[in-house]
Amino acid sequence: MLQEEDDNEDYELDDLNMSSSETVSLLPDPSPRMGRANYNADTSDGSVQMDTKSEDKTKSGGWFIYILSFFSAIGGFLFGYDTGVVSGAMLLLKDKFKLTSFEEEIIVSVTIGFAFLFALIGGWMNDKFGRKLTTIIASFVFTIGAGVLAAAYATWMLIVGRAILGIGIGLASMTVPVYIAECAPPHLRGRLVTMNNLFITGGQCIASIVDGLFSYDKENGWRYMLGIAAVPSIVQMIGFLFLPESPRWLVANGKSDRARVVLENIRGSKQINDEMREVERVVEEDKREKELSGSNVFMKIMRTPAVRKALIVGCGLQLFQQLSGINTVMYYSATIIKMSGVRKQSDAIWLAAGTAGVNFVFTIVALFLVERLGRRKLIISSLFGVLISLALLAVGFQLAAFNSPPVTMSEAGDEYCHGYTWCEGCIENIECGFCYNDFGQGPVNGSCLPIDGDDSGHSKVGRCNATTGEEPDLIFAYQYCPTDYSWMGIAGLGLYLMFFAPGMGPMPWTINSEIYPLWARSTCNSLSTATNWLSNLLVSMSFLTLTETITKYGTYWLFVGIVSLGLLFMLLTLPETRGVSLEEVETLFSGPLCSCSKPKPPDYTIEKTIS
């Protein structure tokens, strides 16, 4: 029979002594990267069975890869903690520093803007200094930013501290998935890169709990919320001092001997010859192509059809992740909950912690499904669920607006807010609030009154003024209206996260870490991560303005339309990358862009046994 040697591509022809079986081998493209399928004539179903002999070699690896992934994913935890903690901290910062709506949006958005810039710079840093050193720098910068925020005594220090955090987050968000993907064996790659996103949602969950715990300290609670982030960043910085560089980066930079040692340690085995040869082969091909095409990596990407298509898909994934509205949930979750009719600030923060907990729990689901269902099925089912939950949010806010309680009273001293006839119109003016009595049978005696300066808990004049003495069951609602449909807002947020977390949360990061060749990996991941942060910035800067301009329900109907376009994009362009080596993924994009979603026929070595 024809046999493939373990260490080379030579084949020997066995003596043609036929006994009880006959073997026929078809070897159209012999390669150590090729899988082997066996067909047994005795099977009743005639199934093609994969020979797992070569696969078992790659399934080596012990505890070290998990420790490496854990310390790497702390970068994801920091990313998640920052996006989560600002939601609750902003409620305290607004009162402490007398922030305007514009200043509030700047404090939130400056982090995203700097993350966008340094995600682009991070591509160059990854190629120049390596994944390890870039991550250490990101951890150090994040620690400095957390310290500045904890010590802030003026609005400008909040802005500077948040900008410094953005630098660290931008570097880490594009480096960590690449580092994990380049170190992980193919059968664990999806799960380990998804673990980074589990740490992101875990960071958001912990941040929401911290928000709840410190929300009762009106004076300094925000300092603890923002300063605690320095602890995990210090842990990551120290841990990475003892972790190795990515073996693929080492090979690309002429350090193959060191890469071999690193790969043996990561795999827990010395049987890594095939993997090393494949990495070295691809690196050599990349170098030859780079010499022929010049040193401009971006122009080479644009001139290489398969890589250009992969970049379009990768950037599309990150774009639709953000434009599906995820950060309207995470950045403004407490505000959205208050819009749904929850009165107390601390209750809104704790409910926001609950939504973050849902996000975390359902990201764990992705760890179990990513290597079973595959990336494509998770993305498409996730987007479909997100579409339904956004529609529920839109309907809930629309019903609340159409059934808004009326303004039935006018009060002495009000010369600014008296012209409104419904609560919904009243609370859309950020200078006004809705004052009403609640005797257990719905709101009555409603009036629209101006807020008392920076104190949004009381009106400047009338019954809800702090100095006139509060009546029993008298409530001043700022930026929300009492409604029987508040449950739809809470349910919509919960369902949104249940569907978003297993698919659209982790899969854009997982897929982007897989689909680019080594020579373009840092640059393409830099561009796709920058797309994520740019669209993130667009959403966070425009969300409050959109809710005031086209109403809350109009904003969510807008997201429904965007998600519909995203679902169509994924159906047409997204291929399945499960189980494909990093060196082979490029072939998935060899055809037209709209055919990438169609599975490629496998190129198997067929061994037929006839009894």
Foldseek 3Di string as FASTA:
>chain_A
DWDADPQDGDTDDDPPDDDPKDKDWDCPDDDLQFWFWEFEPPDPVRDIHTDCPSVVLLQFFDDPLVLVLVLLLLLLLLLQLVLQQLQLLLVLCCLQAVDDPQLSLLLNQLLLVLLLVLLQVLLVCCLPPNLLVLLLVLLVLLLVLLVQLLPDDHSVSSNVSSNSNSNSSSNSLLRSLLLSQLQHRQQCSLLSLLVSLLSSLVSNLVLLVLSLVLVVVSHRSSSCSSNVSNVSSVVSNVSSVPADTRLLSCLLVPNNVVSLVNNCNRRVHNSCSSVSVLSNVLSVVLVVVCVVVDPPLVVVCVVDQLSVLLLVVLLLLLLLLQLLPPSCCRNNVLVLLLQLPDADSSVSSVLSSVLSVLLSVLSVVLSVPCQPVFQLVLALQLLVLSLVLLLLLLVLQVVCVVPFAFADDDDPPAPDQQPGTGQVVLQLPQQWWWKFACPPPDTDNIGIAGCCSSHQQAGVDDQRHPPVDHDPRIGIRHNYTHDPSSVSSSVSSSSNSNSCNNHSSSSSSSSLSQQHRPSCNSNSSSVSSSSNSVSNSVCSSCVSVCCSVVNPSSSSVSSSVSSVVSSVLSQQAPDTDRSPRSSPNSVLSPDDRRCSNPDDDRDHTYMYMDD
